[in-house]
Amino acid sequence: MLTGITFGQFIPGNSIFHRLDPRTKVICVLATAISIIIASKWYEFALLAALTMGLMFFSRLSARLFFGGLRSFWVLLAITFLVQVLFTPGEVLAGLGWLKVSREGLVAGGIIFIRLSLLILVASLLTLTTSPISLTAGLESLLTPLKRFGLPAHELAMMMTIALRFIPTLLAEAEIVIKAQQSRGARLNSGGIVKRAKSLLPLFVPLFAGALRRAEELAIAMEARCYRGGANRTRMNSLVFGLPDYITISVSLVILTGAAGLKFWRY
């Protein structure tokens, strides 16, 4: 039910994308995400979708893995699509009372649906091909210049990485809680949407309790290993840019520049 969500997981591999420097992957994903956000025309989304498919191909991971994780966000995608379709004013195509489907709403709903889907796929690409240690090192290196402004780069990078890696852990624990409730006779999948939502409320208490327990265990484990973030820490493997990294960053920046140019050219 919930364990199909792949966002936040890491799948080891030896593809071109796996071997890239983590900083390169973060820059590439950020540039692609910004390009997706500022895009507004169908041909722009078609080009960005082709780019995303290309990145997925170079990762050598199964397409079923990516789209299986995307399927887990169907509620979010459906809600955002329906909100745009029903509440965007324009030429009315169909209606029932105060609910009206407009042509402009269908266009806006399709755009937001494609945009969110591409963002989820691109973000999943980063976490699926980058180990937690590499991702932390890459984020810390990119945030290091901001230390002069008082930003705790190491602590912030560690916090973001732990938050990402906790997603599959919490989903697995939620799955366990749901199965435990169902084994005791709870009917979580019966009734309408409102009844199902109410039946899920009792799950939040054990879920939050388990999350707090895991967070405390992680903090104790880090303290037991004398972990001290930031101060004079060194790494066994230094991050070094190679030729594939420079090529990937250059292509990403060219795509971002092109998307931004098309955006401002229309205005």
Protein backbone atom coordinates (compact mmCIF):
# COMPACT_ATOMS: atom_id res chain seq x y z
CA MET A 1 0.00 0.00 0.00
CA LEU A 2 2.60 2.52 1.12
CA THR A 3 5.86 0.71 0.55
CA GLY A 4 5.57 1.31 -3.20
CA ILE A 5 6.85 4.83 -2.66
CA THR A 6 10.47 4.86 -3.82
CA PHE A 7 11.17 8.51 -3.03
CA GLY A 8 14.01 8.69 -0.50
CA GLN A 9 15.45 5.24 -1.24
CA PHE A 10 18.90 4.50 -2.67
CA ILE A 11 19.49 1.77 -5.27
CA PRO A 12 23.22 0.95 -5.74
CA GLY A 13 24.47 0.81 -9.30
CA ASN A 14 27.36 1.52 -11.65
CA SER A 15 25.67 3.73 -14.23
CA ILE A 16 26.97 7.04 -15.56
CA PHE A 17 24.55 8.89 -13.31
CA HIS A 18 25.58 6.86 -10.26
CA ARG A 19 29.26 7.70 -10.87
CA LEU A 20 28.72 11.45 -11.15
CA ASP A 21 29.85 13.70 -8.33
CA PRO A 22 26.94 14.28 -5.90
CA ARG A 23 27.33 18.03 -6.33
CA THR A 24 26.86 17.59 -10.07
CA LYS A 25 23.67 15.62 -9.54
CA VAL A 26 22.29 18.19 -7.10
CA ILE A 27 23.05 21.06 -9.54
CA CYS A 28 21.61 19.08 -12.46
CA VAL A 29 18.43 18.22 -10.58
CA LEU A 30 17.97 21.79 -9.31
CA ALA A 31 18.49 23.26 -12.81
CA THR A 32 16.04 20.75 -14.30
CA ALA A 33 13.49 21.41 -11.54
CA ILE A 34 13.69 25.18 -12.05
CA SER A 35 13.28 24.67 -15.81
CA ILE A 36 10.18 22.55 -15.16
CA ILE A 37 8.72 25.16 -12.82
CA ILE A 38 9.14 28.10 -15.22
CA ALA A 39 7.97 26.14 -18.29
CA SER A 40 4.42 26.88 -19.46
CA LYS A 41 4.13 25.65 -23.07
CA TRP A 42 3.41 22.10 -24.15
CA TYR A 43 6.49 21.85 -26.36
CA GLU A 44 8.64 22.95 -23.41
CA PHE A 45 7.19 20.20 -21.25
CA ALA A 46 7.73 17.72 -24.09
CA LEU A 47 11.44 18.63 -24.26
CA LEU A 48 11.81 18.50 -20.46
CA ALA A 49 10.00 15.16 -20.35
CA ALA A 50 12.42 13.83 -22.97
CA LEU A 51 15.33 15.11 -20.87
CA THR A 52 13.92 13.41 -17.77
CA MET A 53 13.48 10.14 -19.67
CA GLY A 54 17.07 10.44 -20.86
CA LEU A 55 18.35 10.89 -17.31
CA MET A 56 16.30 7.90 -16.20
CA PHE A 57 17.82 5.85 -19.06
CA PHE A 58 21.38 6.79 -18.07
CA SER A 59 20.65 5.77 -14.47
CA ARG A 60 20.07 2.17 -15.71
CA LEU A 61 17.22 1.77 -13.24
CA SER A 62 13.92 0.18 -14.16
CA ALA A 63 11.26 2.56 -15.45
CA ARG A 64 8.79 0.58 -13.36
CA LEU A 65 10.73 1.71 -10.29
CA PHE A 66 10.27 5.39 -11.18
CA PHE A 67 6.65 5.22 -12.30
CA GLY A 68 5.77 2.88 -9.44
CA GLY A 69 6.88 5.58 -7.05
CA LEU A 70 5.00 8.20 -9.07
CA ARG A 71 1.82 6.12 -8.77
CA SER A 72 2.06 6.47 -5.00
CA PHE A 73 1.44 10.23 -5.33
CA TRP A 74 -1.80 9.79 -7.27
CA VAL A 75 -3.90 11.44 -4.53
CA LEU A 76 -1.82 14.63 -4.63
CA LEU A 77 -1.80 14.66 -8.43
CA ALA A 78 -5.55 14.01 -8.65
CA ILE A 79 -6.44 16.72 -6.12
CA THR A 80 -4.30 19.38 -7.79
CA PHE A 81 -5.70 18.46 -11.21
CA LEU A 82 -9.32 18.63 -10.03
CA VAL A 83 -8.80 21.94 -8.23
CA GLN A 84 -7.43 23.52 -11.41
CA VAL A 85 -10.16 22.01 -13.60
CA LEU A 86 -13.09 23.01 -11.38
CA PHE A 87 -11.99 26.41 -10.08
CA THR A 88 -10.23 28.02 -13.04
CA PRO A 89 -12.54 30.54 -14.75
CA GLY A 90 -12.92 30.47 -18.51
CA GLU A 91 -14.97 28.96 -21.32
CA VAL A 92 -17.33 26.47 -19.69
CA LEU A 93 -17.39 23.04 -21.33
CA ALA A 94 -19.56 21.24 -18.78
CA GLY A 95 -21.09 22.00 -15.42
CA LEU A 96 -23.19 20.72 -12.57
CA GLY A 97 -24.47 23.47 -10.31
CA TRP A 98 -21.58 25.57 -9.07
CA LEU A 99 -19.05 23.04 -10.35
CA LYS A 100 -17.94 24.01 -13.85
CA VAL A 101 -15.27 22.52 -16.09
CA SER A 102 -13.62 25.14 -18.27
CA ARG A 103 -11.28 24.82 -21.21
CA GLU A 104 -8.70 26.95 -19.40
CA GLY A 105 -9.10 24.72 -16.33
CA LEU A 106 -8.31 21.60 -18.33
CA VAL A 107 -5.19 23.24 -19.74
CA ALA A 108 -4.08 24.48 -16.31
CA GLY A 109 -4.83 21.09 -14.74
CA GLY A 110 -2.85 19.26 -17.41
CA ILE A 111 0.11 21.60 -16.99
CA ILE A 112 0.20 21.30 -13.19
CA PHE A 113 -0.20 17.51 -13.46
CA ILE A 114 2.75 17.19 -15.85
CA ARG A 115 4.84 19.66 -13.82
CA LEU A 116 4.36 17.80 -10.54
CA SER A 117 4.96 14.42 -12.19
CA LEU A 118 8.25 15.58 -13.71
CA LEU A 119 9.38 17.16 -10.42
CA ILE A 120 8.69 13.91 -8.55
CA LEU A 121 10.57 11.86 -11.16
CA VAL A 122 13.58 14.21 -11.10
CA ALA A 123 13.71 14.27 -7.29
CA SER A 124 13.43 10.47 -7.19
CA LEU A 125 16.31 10.25 -9.65
CA LEU A 126 18.57 12.10 -7.21
CA THR A 127 17.76 9.96 -4.17
CA LEU A 128 17.72 6.66 -6.08
CA THR A 129 21.23 7.15 -7.47
CA THR A 130 22.99 8.89 -4.56
CA SER A 131 23.94 7.28 -1.26
CA PRO A 132 23.11 9.17 1.95
CA ILE A 133 26.79 9.82 2.73
CA SER A 134 27.49 11.16 -0.78
CA LEU A 135 24.36 13.31 -0.75
CA THR A 136 25.32 14.81 2.61
CA ALA A 137 28.86 15.52 1.38
CA GLY A 138 27.58 17.12 -1.81
CA LEU A 139 25.02 19.34 -0.07
CA GLU A 140 27.57 20.41 2.55
CA SER A 141 30.11 21.30 -0.13
CA LEU A 142 27.56 23.39 -2.04
CA LEU A 143 26.44 25.18 1.14
CA THR A 144 29.95 25.78 2.49
CA PRO A 145 30.34 29.26 0.87
CA LEU A 146 27.34 30.39 2.93
CA LYS A 147 29.18 29.68 6.18
CA ARG A 148 30.59 33.21 6.12
CA PHE A 149 26.98 34.42 6.58
CA GLY A 150 26.51 32.19 9.63
CA LEU A 151 24.74 29.29 7.88
CA PRO A 152 25.52 25.91 9.54
CA ALA A 153 26.24 24.10 6.27
CA HIS A 154 27.09 20.67 7.72
CA GLU A 155 24.15 20.57 10.14
CA LEU A 156 21.70 21.74 7.47
CA ALA A 157 22.95 19.18 4.94
CA MET A 158 22.76 16.39 7.53
CA MET A 159 19.24 17.43 8.53
CA MET A 160 17.97 17.43 4.93
CA THR A 161 19.58 14.05 4.20
CA ILE A 162 18.14 12.43 7.33
CA ALA A 163 14.70 13.84 6.49
CA LEU A 164 14.87 12.31 3.00
CA ARG A 165 16.04 8.93 4.28
CA PHE A 166 13.36 8.85 6.97
CA ILE A 167 10.60 8.87 4.34
CA PRO A 168 10.79 5.16 3.35
CA THR A 169 11.38 4.22 7.01
CA LEU A 170 8.25 6.02 8.17
CA LEU A 171 6.23 4.60 5.29
CA ALA A 172 7.31 1.09 6.18
CA GLU A 173 6.32 1.70 9.80
CA ALA A 174 2.96 3.09 8.69
CA GLU A 175 2.42 -0.08 6.66
CA ILE A 176 3.12 -2.17 9.76
CA VAL A 177 0.67 -0.13 11.86
CA ILE A 178 -2.04 -0.40 9.19
CA LYS A 179 -1.66 -4.18 8.92
CA ALA A 180 -1.73 -4.48 12.72
CA GLN A 181 -4.98 -2.50 12.86
CA GLN A 182 -6.51 -4.57 10.06
CA SER A 183 -5.56 -7.81 11.82
CA ARG A 184 -7.57 -6.54 14.81
CA GLY A 185 -10.66 -6.03 12.67
CA ALA A 186 -10.27 -2.39 11.64
CA ARG A 187 -11.90 -1.65 8.27
CA LEU A 188 -9.64 1.01 6.84
CA ASN A 189 -10.54 0.44 3.19
CA SER A 190 -14.35 0.38 3.48
CA GLY A 191 -16.83 3.22 3.20
CA GLY A 192 -16.59 6.58 1.53
CA ILE A 193 -13.70 9.03 1.47
CA VAL A 194 -14.77 10.77 4.70
CA LYS A 195 -15.14 7.48 6.57
CA ARG A 196 -11.75 6.27 5.35
CA ALA A 197 -10.13 9.53 6.42
CA LYS A 198 -11.64 9.24 9.91
CA SER A 199 -10.50 5.62 10.19
CA LEU A 200 -6.90 6.71 9.53
CA LEU A 201 -6.83 9.23 12.39
CA PRO A 202 -6.04 6.62 15.11
CA LEU A 203 -2.94 5.62 13.11
CA PHE A 204 -1.22 8.96 13.63
CA VAL A 205 -0.54 8.45 17.36
CA PRO A 206 1.52 5.23 17.02
CA LEU A 207 3.12 6.58 13.84
CA PHE A 208 4.32 9.77 15.50
CA ALA A 209 5.40 7.82 18.58
CA GLY A 210 7.47 5.52 16.38
CA ALA A 211 9.00 8.49 14.52
CA LEU A 212 10.00 10.15 17.80
CA ARG A 213 11.43 6.87 19.08
CA ARG A 214 13.52 6.41 15.94
CA ALA A 215 14.74 10.01 16.13
CA GLU A 216 15.80 9.51 19.75
CA GLU A 217 17.59 6.26 18.89
CA LEU A 218 19.43 8.02 16.06
CA ALA A 219 20.47 10.88 18.35
CA ILE A 220 21.75 8.44 21.01
CA ALA A 221 23.68 6.46 18.38
CA MET A 222 25.33 9.63 17.06
CA GLU A 223 26.26 10.76 20.58
CA ALA A 224 27.64 7.31 21.44
CA ARG A 225 29.98 7.61 18.45
CA CYS A 226 31.13 11.05 19.64
CA TYR A 227 29.62 12.71 16.59
CA ARG A 228 30.29 16.45 16.39
CA GLY A 229 28.98 18.14 13.29
CA GLY A 230 30.90 20.67 11.29
CA ALA A 231 33.98 21.40 13.39
CA ASN A 232 37.20 20.31 11.63
CA ARG A 233 35.62 17.25 10.05
CA THR A 234 37.46 15.53 7.20
CA ARG A 235 36.32 12.91 4.68
CA MET A 236 38.00 9.73 3.57
CA ASN A 237 37.00 10.34 -0.07
CA SER A 238 37.35 13.89 -1.38
CA LEU A 239 34.88 15.17 -3.94
CA VAL A 240 36.54 15.94 -7.27
CA PHE A 241 34.87 17.11 -10.47
CA GLY A 242 35.68 15.14 -13.61
CA LEU A 243 35.03 15.72 -17.30
CA PRO A 244 31.56 14.05 -17.20
CA ASP A 245 30.64 16.36 -14.31
CA TYR A 246 31.61 19.51 -16.22
CA ILE A 247 29.72 18.31 -19.29
CA THR A 248 26.59 17.50 -17.26
CA ILE A 249 26.64 20.83 -15.42
CA SER A 250 27.16 22.73 -18.67
CA VAL A 251 24.23 20.96 -20.36
CA SER A 252 22.00 21.59 -17.31
CA LEU A 253 22.86 25.29 -17.23
CA VAL A 254 22.27 25.60 -20.99
CA ILE A 255 18.83 24.02 -20.58
CA LEU A 256 18.04 26.33 -17.64
CA THR A 257 19.22 29.37 -19.60
CA GLY A 258 17.10 28.33 -22.57
CA ALA A 259 14.01 27.84 -20.41
CA ALA A 260 14.54 31.20 -18.71
CA GLY A 261 15.15 32.87 -22.08
CA LEU A 262 11.90 31.50 -23.49
CA LYS A 263 10.06 32.63 -20.35
CA PHE A 264 11.28 36.24 -20.47
CA TRP A 265 11.16 36.42 -24.27
CA ARG A 266 7.39 35.91 -24.14
CA TYR A 267 7.10 38.94 -21.86
